[in-house]
Amino acid sequence: MLLADDHPLIRMGLRVVLDQSPDVTVVAEAGDGTMALEQIHALLPDVAVLDLEMPGQDGIAVALAIQQARLPVKAVLLTAHRKPGLVNRALDSGLLGYVLKDAAVTEILACVRQVHAGHHYVSPQLSTLLVSRRNRATALAATTPGLEALTPTERQVLARVAQGQTSREIGELMFISHRTVEHHRANIAEKLNLRGANALMRFAIAHRSELS
């Protein structure tokens, strides 16, 4: 696995815990998001534990880049933030794990093992948020047929369309090319059976609250 955090002491503490387990091997460390992504491309670790707030690219941006490149790497976000909007955005970006820093030492091994097996793991302190997330997804599928068929990346693109951002602006914020954004927009329109130049924009604005 790869461990990315811009605080050397945090990395050291987590590595001490991880090195005690015979089934986990830390193959690389990174102090910023850009370096983390370079090492992920080069080493293809099974799991990447990513700090949310890092220089270069933050943890969510790195997770999105992993998803865009279709790399066989499972991502975990390490953060002190508990805001529902951030947790939802993180999980929608393809992250399988969300671990709070104040519980990381005790939970990190359990999270890495769960994520390595292909399961989601979110710190137990956020269990009520997960229930709300599941209820929201169920309601969304019932009230907006087709929206549940969008991938996490497509949902992020649609949410940014609702904010009035251009394809180039969306591409810069999501670290993908504007042509890739246009491809996503076309796929979204097809899945939602939207026709016409402004149909996607109108739909995105009408359903903005469901995408946030």
N, C-alpha and C. Protein backbone atom coordinates (compact mmCIF):
# COMPACT_ATOMS: atom_id res chain seq x y z
N MET A 1 0.84 -1.19 0.00
CA MET A 1 0.00 0.00 0.00
C MET A 1 0.88 1.25 0.00
N LEU A 2 0.25 2.37 -0.39
CA LEU A 2 0.94 3.66 -0.38
C LEU A 2 0.33 4.54 0.70
N LEU A 3 1.17 5.30 1.38
CA LEU A 3 0.74 6.18 2.46
C LEU A 3 1.11 7.61 2.11
N ALA A 4 0.11 8.48 1.96
CA ALA A 4 0.36 9.87 1.55
C ALA A 4 -0.20 10.84 2.57
N ASP A 5 0.68 11.62 3.17
CA ASP A 5 0.29 12.66 4.13
C ASP A 5 1.44 13.67 4.19
N ASP A 6 1.09 14.95 4.25
CA ASP A 6 2.16 15.95 4.23
C ASP A 6 2.78 16.18 5.60
N HIS A 7 2.32 15.47 6.63
CA HIS A 7 2.91 15.58 7.96
C HIS A 7 3.76 14.33 8.25
N PRO A 8 5.09 14.47 8.28
CA PRO A 8 5.97 13.32 8.48
C PRO A 8 5.67 12.53 9.75
N LEU A 9 5.29 13.22 10.83
CA LEU A 9 5.03 12.53 12.09
C LEU A 9 3.79 11.65 12.00
N ILE A 10 2.78 12.12 11.27
CA ILE A 10 1.58 11.30 11.09
C ILE A 10 1.90 10.07 10.26
N ARG A 11 2.66 10.27 9.18
CA ARG A 11 3.07 9.12 8.36
C ARG A 11 3.86 8.12 9.18
N MET A 12 4.77 8.63 10.01
CA MET A 12 5.60 7.74 10.82
C MET A 12 4.74 6.93 11.79
N GLY A 13 3.79 7.60 12.44
CA GLY A 13 2.93 6.92 13.40
C GLY A 13 2.08 5.85 12.74
N LEU A 14 1.51 6.18 11.57
CA LEU A 14 0.69 5.21 10.86
C LEU A 14 1.54 4.04 10.36
N ARG A 15 2.74 4.34 9.92
CA ARG A 15 3.59 3.27 9.40
C ARG A 15 3.99 2.30 10.52
N VAL A 16 4.22 2.82 11.70
CA VAL A 16 4.55 1.94 12.83
C VAL A 16 3.42 0.93 13.05
N VAL A 17 2.18 1.41 13.00
CA VAL A 17 1.03 0.52 13.18
C VAL A 17 0.93 -0.48 12.03
N LEU A 18 1.08 0.01 10.81
CA LEU A 18 0.93 -0.85 9.64
C LEU A 18 2.04 -1.90 9.55
N ASP A 19 3.25 -1.52 9.92
CA ASP A 19 4.38 -2.45 9.83
C ASP A 19 4.28 -3.59 10.84
N GLN A 20 3.42 -3.43 11.82
CA GLN A 20 3.24 -4.49 12.81
C GLN A 20 2.37 -5.63 12.28
N SER A 21 1.71 -5.39 11.16
CA SER A 21 0.82 -6.41 10.60
C SER A 21 1.53 -7.17 9.48
N PRO A 22 1.58 -8.50 9.55
CA PRO A 22 2.28 -9.27 8.52
C PRO A 22 1.58 -9.27 7.16
N ASP A 23 0.31 -8.90 7.12
CA ASP A 23 -0.42 -8.94 5.85
C ASP A 23 -0.50 -7.57 5.17
N VAL A 24 0.21 -6.58 5.70
CA VAL A 24 0.21 -5.24 5.10
C VAL A 24 1.65 -4.79 4.90
N THR A 25 1.96 -4.33 3.70
CA THR A 25 3.30 -3.83 3.39
C THR A 25 3.19 -2.43 2.79
N VAL A 26 3.86 -1.46 3.40
CA VAL A 26 3.89 -0.10 2.87
C VAL A 26 5.02 -0.04 1.84
N VAL A 27 4.66 0.11 0.57
CA VAL A 27 5.66 0.10 -0.50
C VAL A 27 6.19 1.50 -0.82
N ALA A 28 5.44 2.53 -0.39
CA ALA A 28 5.90 3.90 -0.68
C ALA A 28 5.18 4.89 0.21
N GLU A 29 5.82 6.05 0.40
CA GLU A 29 5.23 7.17 1.12
C GLU A 29 5.33 8.41 0.24
N ALA A 30 4.42 9.34 0.47
CA ALA A 30 4.43 10.60 -0.29
C ALA A 30 4.01 11.74 0.63
N GLY A 31 4.61 12.91 0.39
CA GLY A 31 4.30 14.07 1.20
C GLY A 31 3.38 15.05 0.52
N ASP A 32 2.98 14.79 -0.73
CA ASP A 32 2.03 15.65 -1.42
C ASP A 32 1.27 14.83 -2.46
N GLY A 33 0.17 15.39 -2.96
CA GLY A 33 -0.69 14.66 -3.87
C GLY A 33 -0.07 14.35 -5.21
N THR A 34 0.74 15.26 -5.72
CA THR A 34 1.37 15.04 -7.02
C THR A 34 2.34 13.86 -6.95
N MET A 35 3.16 13.83 -5.90
CA MET A 35 4.09 12.72 -5.72
C MET A 35 3.33 11.41 -5.50
N ALA A 36 2.25 11.48 -4.74
CA ALA A 36 1.45 10.28 -4.48
C ALA A 36 0.93 9.70 -5.79
N LEU A 37 0.40 10.57 -6.66
CA LEU A 37 -0.15 10.08 -7.92
C LEU A 37 0.93 9.49 -8.82
N GLU A 38 2.11 10.12 -8.83
CA GLU A 38 3.23 9.58 -9.62
C GLU A 38 3.61 8.18 -9.13
N GLN A 39 3.68 8.01 -7.81
CA GLN A 39 4.04 6.70 -7.26
C GLN A 39 2.94 5.67 -7.48
N ILE A 40 1.70 6.12 -7.45
CA ILE A 40 0.58 5.21 -7.71
C ILE A 40 0.66 4.68 -9.13
N HIS A 41 0.94 5.56 -10.09
CA HIS A 41 1.08 5.13 -11.48
C HIS A 41 2.27 4.17 -11.63
N ALA A 42 3.35 4.46 -10.93
CA ALA A 42 4.56 3.66 -11.09
C ALA A 42 4.49 2.31 -10.38
N LEU A 43 3.88 2.28 -9.19
CA LEU A 43 3.92 1.08 -8.35
C LEU A 43 2.62 0.29 -8.32
N LEU A 44 1.50 0.94 -8.65
CA LEU A 44 0.18 0.31 -8.60
C LEU A 44 -0.05 -0.44 -7.28
N PRO A 45 0.02 0.25 -6.15
CA PRO A 45 -0.25 -0.42 -4.88
C PRO A 45 -1.70 -0.87 -4.79
N ASP A 46 -1.97 -1.89 -4.02
CA ASP A 46 -3.35 -2.37 -3.88
C ASP A 46 -4.24 -1.30 -3.26
N VAL A 47 -3.69 -0.59 -2.26
CA VAL A 47 -4.46 0.42 -1.53
C VAL A 47 -3.61 1.69 -1.39
N ALA A 48 -4.26 2.84 -1.56
CA ALA A 48 -3.59 4.12 -1.33
C ALA A 48 -4.33 4.87 -0.23
N VAL A 49 -3.64 5.16 0.87
CA VAL A 49 -4.22 5.93 1.96
C VAL A 49 -3.82 7.39 1.75
N LEU A 50 -4.80 8.26 1.55
CA LEU A 50 -4.55 9.63 1.11
C LEU A 50 -5.06 10.65 2.12
N ASP A 51 -4.20 11.55 2.53
CA ASP A 51 -4.63 12.67 3.35
C ASP A 51 -5.51 13.58 2.50
N LEU A 52 -6.54 14.16 3.10
CA LEU A 52 -7.40 15.06 2.34
C LEU A 52 -6.65 16.31 1.92
N GLU A 53 -6.00 16.97 2.86
CA GLU A 53 -5.38 18.26 2.59
C GLU A 53 -3.88 18.09 2.40
N MET A 54 -3.47 18.05 1.14
CA MET A 54 -2.05 17.92 0.79
C MET A 54 -1.69 18.95 -0.26
N PRO A 55 -0.44 19.38 -0.31
CA PRO A 55 0.00 20.26 -1.39
C PRO A 55 -0.11 19.54 -2.74
N GLY A 56 -0.17 20.30 -3.80
CA GLY A 56 -0.25 19.70 -5.14
C GLY A 56 -1.67 19.34 -5.48
N GLN A 57 -2.10 18.15 -5.10
CA GLN A 57 -3.47 17.70 -5.29
C GLN A 57 -3.96 17.12 -3.97
N ASP A 58 -5.22 17.40 -3.62
CA ASP A 58 -5.72 16.84 -2.37
C ASP A 58 -6.14 15.38 -2.58
N GLY A 59 -6.52 14.73 -1.49
CA GLY A 59 -6.83 13.31 -1.56
C GLY A 59 -7.96 12.97 -2.51
N ILE A 60 -8.99 13.81 -2.55
CA ILE A 60 -10.13 13.55 -3.44
C ILE A 60 -9.70 13.69 -4.90
N ALA A 61 -8.88 14.69 -5.20
CA ALA A 61 -8.39 14.86 -6.57
C ALA A 61 -7.56 13.66 -7.00
N VAL A 62 -6.73 13.14 -6.10
CA VAL A 62 -5.93 11.96 -6.43
C VAL A 62 -6.85 10.76 -6.68
N ALA A 63 -7.88 10.61 -5.84
CA ALA A 63 -8.82 9.50 -6.03
C ALA A 63 -9.54 9.60 -7.37
N LEU A 64 -9.93 10.81 -7.75
CA LEU A 64 -10.58 11.00 -9.05
C LEU A 64 -9.63 10.66 -10.19
N ALA A 65 -8.36 11.04 -10.04
CA ALA A 65 -7.37 10.73 -11.07
C ALA A 65 -7.17 9.22 -11.20
N ILE A 66 -7.19 8.52 -10.08
CA ILE A 66 -7.07 7.05 -10.10
C ILE A 66 -8.24 6.46 -10.86
N GLN A 67 -9.44 6.98 -10.58
CA GLN A 67 -10.64 6.47 -11.25
C GLN A 67 -10.61 6.78 -12.74
N GLN A 68 -10.20 7.99 -13.09
CA GLN A 68 -10.16 8.38 -14.50
C GLN A 68 -9.18 7.52 -15.29
N ALA A 69 -8.05 7.19 -14.67
CA ALA A 69 -7.03 6.38 -15.34
C ALA A 69 -7.34 4.88 -15.27
N ARG A 70 -8.41 4.53 -14.57
CA ARG A 70 -8.83 3.13 -14.41
C ARG A 70 -7.72 2.26 -13.84
N LEU A 71 -7.05 2.80 -12.84
CA LEU A 71 -5.97 2.06 -12.20
C LEU A 71 -6.55 1.09 -11.17
N PRO A 72 -5.95 -0.09 -11.03
CA PRO A 72 -6.45 -1.09 -10.06
C PRO A 72 -5.99 -0.78 -8.64
N VAL A 73 -6.28 0.44 -8.20
CA VAL A 73 -5.82 0.90 -6.88
C VAL A 73 -7.04 1.38 -6.10
N LYS A 74 -7.22 0.86 -4.90
CA LYS A 74 -8.34 1.26 -4.05
C LYS A 74 -7.88 2.38 -3.12
N ALA A 75 -8.71 3.41 -3.00
CA ALA A 75 -8.30 4.61 -2.27
C ALA A 75 -9.05 4.79 -0.96
N VAL A 76 -8.31 5.28 0.04
CA VAL A 76 -8.84 5.58 1.37
C VAL A 76 -8.50 7.03 1.69
N LEU A 77 -9.47 7.78 2.20
CA LEU A 77 -9.23 9.17 2.58
C LEU A 77 -9.01 9.26 4.09
N LEU A 78 -7.98 9.99 4.47
CA LEU A 78 -7.64 10.20 5.88
C LEU A 78 -7.83 11.68 6.18
N THR A 79 -8.73 12.01 7.10
CA THR A 79 -9.05 13.42 7.34
C THR A 79 -9.65 13.62 8.72
N ALA A 80 -9.65 14.86 9.15
CA ALA A 80 -10.30 15.22 10.41
C ALA A 80 -11.70 15.75 10.19
N HIS A 81 -12.11 15.92 8.94
CA HIS A 81 -13.39 16.54 8.62
C HIS A 81 -14.54 15.53 8.70
N ARG A 82 -15.65 15.98 9.30
CA ARG A 82 -16.83 15.13 9.46
C ARG A 82 -18.05 15.69 8.72
N LYS A 83 -17.90 16.73 7.94
CA LYS A 83 -19.04 17.35 7.28
C LYS A 83 -19.69 16.39 6.29
N PRO A 84 -21.02 16.23 6.34
CA PRO A 84 -21.71 15.29 5.44
C PRO A 84 -21.42 15.54 3.97
N GLY A 85 -21.37 16.83 3.57
CA GLY A 85 -21.12 17.13 2.16
C GLY A 85 -19.77 16.62 1.70
N LEU A 86 -18.77 16.75 2.56
CA LEU A 86 -17.43 16.29 2.21
C LEU A 86 -17.37 14.77 2.14
N VAL A 87 -18.01 14.10 3.10
CA VAL A 87 -18.02 12.63 3.09
C VAL A 87 -18.71 12.12 1.83
N ASN A 88 -19.84 12.72 1.47
CA ASN A 88 -20.55 12.30 0.26
C ASN A 88 -19.70 12.54 -0.98
N ARG A 89 -19.04 13.70 -1.03
CA ARG A 89 -18.19 14.01 -2.19
C ARG A 89 -17.03 13.02 -2.28
N ALA A 90 -16.47 12.66 -1.13
CA ALA A 90 -15.36 11.72 -1.11
C ALA A 90 -15.79 10.35 -1.61
N LEU A 91 -16.89 9.85 -1.11
CA LEU A 91 -17.36 8.53 -1.52
C LEU A 91 -17.80 8.53 -2.98
N ASP A 92 -18.36 9.66 -3.45
CA ASP A 92 -18.76 9.75 -4.85
C ASP A 92 -17.55 9.82 -5.79
N SER A 93 -16.38 10.15 -5.26
CA SER A 93 -15.18 10.25 -6.10
C SER A 93 -14.49 8.91 -6.32
N GLY A 94 -15.05 7.85 -5.74
CA GLY A 94 -14.46 6.53 -5.94
C GLY A 94 -13.69 6.01 -4.74
N LEU A 95 -13.62 6.80 -3.67
CA LEU A 95 -12.94 6.34 -2.47
C LEU A 95 -13.76 5.24 -1.80
N LEU A 96 -13.08 4.20 -1.37
CA LEU A 96 -13.76 3.11 -0.67
C LEU A 96 -13.69 3.26 0.84
N GLY A 97 -12.73 4.06 1.33
CA GLY A 97 -12.57 4.22 2.77
C GLY A 97 -12.52 5.67 3.19
N TYR A 98 -13.06 5.96 4.38
CA TYR A 98 -13.05 7.31 4.93
C TYR A 98 -12.76 7.17 6.41
N VAL A 99 -11.53 7.52 6.81
CA VAL A 99 -11.09 7.32 8.18
C VAL A 99 -10.79 8.67 8.83
N LEU A 100 -11.34 8.88 10.01
CA LEU A 100 -11.07 10.11 10.75
C LEU A 100 -9.70 10.04 11.39
N LYS A 101 -8.96 11.14 11.35
CA LYS A 101 -7.59 11.14 11.87
C LYS A 101 -7.52 10.86 13.37
N ASP A 102 -8.54 11.28 14.11
CA ASP A 102 -8.47 11.05 15.55
C ASP A 102 -8.69 9.59 15.92
N ALA A 103 -9.07 8.77 14.92
CA ALA A 103 -9.25 7.34 15.17
C ALA A 103 -8.38 6.50 14.26
N ALA A 104 -7.53 7.15 13.47
CA ALA A 104 -6.79 6.45 12.42
C ALA A 104 -5.91 5.33 12.95
N VAL A 105 -5.22 5.57 14.06
CA VAL A 105 -4.27 4.58 14.56
C VAL A 105 -4.97 3.27 14.89
N THR A 106 -6.16 3.36 15.49
CA THR A 106 -6.87 2.15 15.87
C THR A 106 -7.67 1.54 14.72
N GLU A 107 -8.02 2.37 13.74
CA GLU A 107 -8.91 1.88 12.68
C GLU A 107 -8.20 1.60 11.36
N ILE A 108 -7.00 2.11 11.18
CA ILE A 108 -6.39 2.07 9.86
C ILE A 108 -6.22 0.64 9.34
N LEU A 109 -5.82 -0.29 10.20
CA LEU A 109 -5.64 -1.67 9.75
C LEU A 109 -6.96 -2.29 9.32
N ALA A 110 -8.00 -2.08 10.12
CA ALA A 110 -9.32 -2.61 9.77
C ALA A 110 -9.79 -2.03 8.44
N CYS A 111 -9.56 -0.72 8.25
CA CYS A 111 -9.97 -0.07 7.01
C CYS A 111 -9.22 -0.62 5.80
N VAL A 112 -7.90 -0.73 5.91
CA VAL A 112 -7.09 -1.22 4.79
C VAL A 112 -7.51 -2.63 4.41
N ARG A 113 -7.76 -3.48 5.40
CA ARG A 113 -8.16 -4.86 5.10
C ARG A 113 -9.52 -4.91 4.42
N GLN A 114 -10.45 -4.11 4.92
CA GLN A 114 -11.79 -4.08 4.32
C GLN A 114 -11.75 -3.57 2.88
N VAL A 115 -11.03 -2.47 2.69
CA VAL A 115 -10.94 -1.88 1.36
C VAL A 115 -10.20 -2.79 0.40
N HIS A 116 -9.14 -3.42 0.87
CA HIS A 116 -8.40 -4.36 0.02
C HIS A 116 -9.31 -5.49 -0.46
N ALA A 117 -10.28 -5.87 0.37
CA ALA A 117 -11.22 -6.93 0.00
C ALA A 117 -12.35 -6.42 -0.89
N GLY A 118 -12.34 -5.11 -1.19
CA GLY A 118 -13.34 -4.56 -2.08
C GLY A 118 -14.57 -3.99 -1.39
N HIS A 119 -14.49 -3.84 -0.06
CA HIS A 119 -15.63 -3.33 0.70
C HIS A 119 -15.41 -1.87 1.09
N HIS A 120 -16.51 -1.17 1.34
CA HIS A 120 -16.40 0.19 1.86
C HIS A 120 -16.12 0.15 3.36
N TYR A 121 -15.41 1.17 3.82
CA TYR A 121 -15.18 1.32 5.26
C TYR A 121 -15.24 2.80 5.59
N VAL A 122 -16.10 3.13 6.53
CA VAL A 122 -16.20 4.50 7.02
C VAL A 122 -16.13 4.46 8.53
N SER A 123 -15.40 5.37 9.14
CA SER A 123 -15.26 5.39 10.59
C SER A 123 -16.63 5.26 11.26
N PRO A 124 -16.73 4.39 12.26
CA PRO A 124 -18.01 4.17 12.93
C PRO A 124 -18.67 5.45 13.46
N GLN A 125 -17.87 6.46 13.78
CA GLN A 125 -18.44 7.72 14.27
C GLN A 125 -19.37 8.37 13.25
N LEU A 126 -19.26 7.95 11.99
CA LEU A 126 -20.07 8.53 10.92
C LEU A 126 -21.19 7.60 10.47
N SER A 127 -21.56 6.65 11.29
CA SER A 127 -22.56 5.65 10.90
C SER A 127 -23.92 6.27 10.58
N THR A 128 -24.32 7.31 11.34
CA THR A 128 -25.61 7.94 11.06
C THR A 128 -25.60 8.63 9.70
N LEU A 129 -24.45 9.14 9.31
CA LEU A 129 -24.34 9.78 8.00
C LEU A 129 -24.53 8.75 6.89
N LEU A 130 -23.98 7.54 7.08
CA LEU A 130 -24.14 6.50 6.07
C LEU A 130 -25.59 6.08 5.91
N VAL A 131 -26.32 6.03 7.02
CA VAL A 131 -27.74 5.70 6.95
C VAL A 131 -28.47 6.76 6.13
N SER A 132 -28.15 8.03 6.39
CA SER A 132 -28.77 9.12 5.63
C SER A 132 -28.41 9.03 4.16
N ARG A 133 -27.16 8.65 3.88
CA ARG A 133 -26.71 8.53 2.49
C ARG A 133 -27.49 7.43 1.77
N ARG A 134 -27.70 6.30 2.44
CA ARG A 134 -28.45 5.20 1.83
C ARG A 134 -29.90 5.60 1.60
N ASN A 135 -30.50 6.28 2.59
CA ASN A 135 -31.89 6.72 2.43
C ASN A 135 -32.01 7.71 1.29
N ARG A 136 -31.01 8.59 1.17
CA ARG A 136 -31.02 9.59 0.09
C ARG A 136 -30.93 8.91 -1.26
N ALA A 137 -30.08 7.89 -1.37
CA ALA A 137 -29.93 7.18 -2.63
C ALA A 137 -31.22 6.47 -3.01
N THR A 138 -31.89 5.88 -2.02
CA THR A 138 -33.15 5.19 -2.28
C THR A 138 -34.21 6.16 -2.77
N ALA A 139 -34.31 7.32 -2.09
CA ALA A 139 -35.28 8.33 -2.50
C ALA A 139 -34.97 8.89 -3.87
N LEU A 140 -33.68 9.05 -4.16
CA LEU A 140 -33.26 9.58 -5.45
C LEU A 140 -33.66 8.65 -6.58
N ALA A 141 -33.45 7.36 -6.38
CA ALA A 141 -33.81 6.38 -7.41
C ALA A 141 -35.30 6.37 -7.67
N ALA A 142 -36.09 6.63 -6.61
CA ALA A 142 -37.54 6.60 -6.76
C ALA A 142 -38.08 7.86 -7.43
N THR A 143 -37.46 9.02 -7.12
CA THR A 143 -37.99 10.28 -7.62
C THR A 143 -37.38 10.74 -8.94
N THR A 144 -36.17 10.26 -9.22
CA THR A 144 -35.49 10.70 -10.45
C THR A 144 -34.95 9.49 -11.20
N PRO A 145 -35.81 8.78 -11.92
CA PRO A 145 -35.35 7.59 -12.65
C PRO A 145 -34.22 7.95 -13.61
N GLY A 146 -33.18 7.15 -13.62
CA GLY A 146 -32.05 7.36 -14.52
C GLY A 146 -30.86 8.00 -13.84
N LEU A 147 -31.11 8.85 -12.84
CA LEU A 147 -30.01 9.55 -12.18
C LEU A 147 -29.12 8.57 -11.42
N GLU A 148 -29.72 7.51 -10.89
CA GLU A 148 -28.93 6.52 -10.15
C GLU A 148 -28.01 5.72 -11.05
N ALA A 149 -28.24 5.78 -12.37
CA ALA A 149 -27.40 5.04 -13.32
C ALA A 149 -26.09 5.75 -13.62
N LEU A 150 -25.96 7.01 -13.19
CA LEU A 150 -24.74 7.76 -13.46
C LEU A 150 -23.60 7.27 -12.57
N THR A 151 -22.40 7.30 -13.11
CA THR A 151 -21.22 6.95 -12.33
C THR A 151 -20.91 8.10 -11.37
N PRO A 152 -20.09 7.86 -10.32
CA PRO A 152 -19.72 8.96 -9.42
C PRO A 152 -19.12 10.15 -10.16
N THR A 153 -18.27 9.87 -11.16
CA THR A 153 -17.66 10.97 -11.91
C THR A 153 -18.71 11.75 -12.69
N GLU A 154 -19.65 11.03 -13.31
CA GLU A 154 -20.71 11.70 -14.07
C GLU A 154 -21.57 12.56 -13.15
N ARG A 155 -21.83 12.07 -11.95
CA ARG A 155 -22.61 12.85 -10.99
C ARG A 155 -21.85 14.13 -10.61
N GLN A 156 -20.54 14.03 -10.44
CA GLN A 156 -19.75 15.22 -10.11
C GLN A 156 -19.78 16.23 -11.26
N VAL A 157 -19.66 15.73 -12.48
CA VAL A 157 -19.72 16.62 -13.65
C VAL A 157 -21.08 17.31 -13.70
N LEU A 158 -22.16 16.54 -13.50
CA LEU A 158 -23.50 17.11 -13.55
C LEU A 158 -23.70 18.14 -12.45
N ALA A 159 -23.16 17.89 -11.26
CA ALA A 159 -23.27 18.85 -10.17
C ALA A 159 -22.56 20.15 -10.51
N ARG A 160 -21.43 20.04 -11.20
CA ARG A 160 -20.69 21.25 -11.58
C ARG A 160 -21.38 21.97 -12.73
N VAL A 161 -22.04 21.23 -13.61
CA VAL A 161 -22.85 21.87 -14.65
C VAL A 161 -23.95 22.70 -13.99
N ALA A 162 -24.55 22.15 -12.93
CA ALA A 162 -25.62 22.87 -12.21
C ALA A 162 -25.11 24.16 -11.60
N GLN A 163 -23.81 24.24 -11.32
CA GLN A 163 -23.21 25.45 -10.76
C GLN A 163 -22.82 26.45 -11.84
N GLY A 164 -23.08 26.09 -13.10
CA GLY A 164 -22.79 27.00 -14.20
C GLY A 164 -21.37 26.96 -14.72
N GLN A 165 -20.61 25.94 -14.34
CA GLN A 165 -19.22 25.83 -14.76
C GLN A 165 -19.13 25.30 -16.19
N THR A 166 -18.17 25.81 -16.94
CA THR A 166 -17.94 25.34 -18.30
C THR A 166 -17.17 24.02 -18.28
N SER A 167 -17.13 23.36 -19.43
CA SER A 167 -16.38 22.10 -19.52
C SER A 167 -14.91 22.31 -19.20
N ARG A 168 -14.36 23.42 -19.64
CA ARG A 168 -12.95 23.69 -19.35
C ARG A 168 -12.74 23.93 -17.85
N GLU A 169 -13.64 24.67 -17.21
CA GLU A 169 -13.53 24.90 -15.77
C GLU A 169 -13.68 23.59 -14.99
N ILE A 170 -14.63 22.77 -15.41
CA ILE A 170 -14.84 21.48 -14.75
C ILE A 170 -13.60 20.62 -14.89
N GLY A 171 -13.02 20.60 -16.08
CA GLY A 171 -11.83 19.81 -16.33
C GLY A 171 -10.67 20.23 -15.44
N GLU A 172 -10.49 21.54 -15.28
CA GLU A 172 -9.40 22.04 -14.44
C GLU A 172 -9.61 21.66 -12.98
N LEU A 173 -10.86 21.73 -12.52
CA LEU A 173 -11.15 21.42 -11.11
C LEU A 173 -11.07 19.92 -10.83
N MET A 174 -11.36 19.09 -11.83
CA MET A 174 -11.35 17.65 -11.64
C MET A 174 -10.09 16.99 -12.19
N PHE A 175 -9.16 17.83 -12.70
CA PHE A 175 -7.88 17.36 -13.22
C PHE A 175 -8.07 16.37 -14.38
N ILE A 176 -9.00 16.71 -15.27
CA ILE A 176 -9.20 15.94 -16.49
C ILE A 176 -9.31 16.94 -17.64
N SER A 177 -9.19 16.46 -18.87
CA SER A 177 -9.25 17.36 -20.02
C SER A 177 -10.70 17.79 -20.27
N HIS A 178 -10.86 18.95 -20.92
CA HIS A 178 -12.21 19.41 -21.21
C HIS A 178 -12.91 18.49 -22.20
N ARG A 179 -12.12 17.79 -23.03
CA ARG A 179 -12.73 16.83 -23.96
C ARG A 179 -13.29 15.63 -23.20
N THR A 180 -12.61 15.23 -22.13
CA THR A 180 -13.14 14.14 -21.29
C THR A 180 -14.43 14.59 -20.62
N VAL A 181 -14.48 15.85 -20.20
CA VAL A 181 -15.71 16.39 -19.61
C VAL A 181 -16.84 16.35 -20.63
N GLU A 182 -16.54 16.75 -21.87
CA GLU A 182 -17.56 16.72 -22.92
C GLU A 182 -18.06 15.29 -23.16
N HIS A 183 -17.15 14.32 -23.08
CA HIS A 183 -17.53 12.92 -23.23
C HIS A 183 -18.49 12.51 -22.10
N HIS A 184 -18.16 12.93 -20.88
CA HIS A 184 -19.04 12.63 -19.76
C HIS A 184 -20.41 13.28 -19.94
N ARG A 185 -20.41 14.51 -20.40
CA ARG A 185 -21.68 15.21 -20.61
C ARG A 185 -22.55 14.49 -21.63
N ALA A 186 -21.91 14.00 -22.68
CA ALA A 186 -22.66 13.26 -23.70
C ALA A 186 -23.24 11.97 -23.12
N ASN A 187 -22.45 11.28 -22.32
CA ASN A 187 -22.93 10.04 -21.70
C ASN A 187 -24.09 10.31 -20.74
N ILE A 188 -23.98 11.40 -19.99
CA ILE A 188 -25.04 11.76 -19.04
C ILE A 188 -26.34 12.03 -19.80
N ALA A 189 -26.23 12.83 -20.85
CA ALA A 189 -27.42 13.17 -21.64
C ALA A 189 -28.07 11.92 -22.23
N GLU A 190 -27.24 10.99 -22.68
CA GLU A 190 -27.77 9.75 -23.25
C GLU A 190 -28.48 8.91 -22.19
N LYS A 191 -27.85 8.79 -21.01
CA LYS A 191 -28.45 7.98 -19.94
C LYS A 191 -29.75 8.58 -19.44
N LEU A 192 -29.83 9.91 -19.44
CA LEU A 192 -31.02 10.59 -18.93
C LEU A 192 -32.02 10.92 -20.04
N ASN A 193 -31.68 10.50 -21.26
CA ASN A 193 -32.55 10.72 -22.42
C ASN A 193 -32.86 12.21 -22.60
N LEU A 194 -31.81 13.03 -22.54
CA LEU A 194 -31.95 14.46 -22.69
C LEU A 194 -31.58 14.88 -24.11
N ARG A 195 -32.41 15.71 -24.70
CA ARG A 195 -32.16 16.16 -26.07
C ARG A 195 -32.20 17.68 -26.12
N GLY A 196 -31.37 18.25 -26.96
CA GLY A 196 -31.36 19.70 -27.10
C GLY A 196 -30.13 20.32 -26.45
N ALA A 197 -29.74 21.49 -26.95
CA ALA A 197 -28.49 22.13 -26.54
C ALA A 197 -28.46 22.44 -25.04
N ASN A 198 -29.59 22.88 -24.48
CA ASN A 198 -29.60 23.31 -23.08
C ASN A 198 -30.31 22.33 -22.16
N ALA A 199 -30.66 21.15 -22.67
CA ALA A 199 -31.42 20.20 -21.86
C ALA A 199 -30.64 19.74 -20.64
N LEU A 200 -29.34 19.50 -20.81
CA LEU A 200 -28.52 19.03 -19.70
C LEU A 200 -28.42 20.10 -18.61
N MET A 201 -28.22 21.34 -19.02
CA MET A 201 -28.14 22.44 -18.06
C MET A 201 -29.45 22.58 -17.29
N ARG A 202 -30.58 22.54 -17.99
CA ARG A 202 -31.88 22.68 -17.33
C ARG A 202 -32.10 21.55 -16.33
N PHE A 203 -31.76 20.33 -16.75
CA PHE A 203 -31.93 19.18 -15.85
C PHE A 203 -31.05 19.34 -14.62
N ALA A 204 -29.78 19.73 -14.82
CA ALA A 204 -28.84 19.86 -13.70
C ALA A 204 -29.33 20.90 -12.71
N ILE A 205 -29.82 22.03 -13.19
CA ILE A 205 -30.30 23.09 -12.30
C ILE A 205 -31.54 22.63 -11.55
N ALA A 206 -32.44 21.93 -12.24
CA ALA A 206 -33.68 21.46 -11.62
C ALA A 206 -33.43 20.47 -10.50
N HIS A 207 -32.32 19.70 -10.63
CA HIS A 207 -32.03 18.64 -9.65
C HIS A 207 -30.78 18.95 -8.83
N ARG A 208 -30.44 20.24 -8.73
CA ARG A 208 -29.20 20.63 -8.05
C ARG A 208 -29.16 20.11 -6.60
N SER A 209 -30.27 20.21 -5.89
CA SER A 209 -30.29 19.78 -4.49
C SER A 209 -30.04 18.29 -4.35
N GLU A 210 -30.42 17.51 -5.34
CA GLU A 210 -30.22 16.06 -5.28
C GLU A 210 -28.79 15.66 -5.61
N LEU A 211 -28.04 16.59 -6.20
CA LEU A 211 -26.66 16.29 -6.61
C LEU A 211 -25.63 16.78 -5.61
N SER A 212 -26.04 17.63 -4.66
CA SER A 212 -25.08 18.22 -3.72
C SER A 212 -24.71 17.23 -2.63
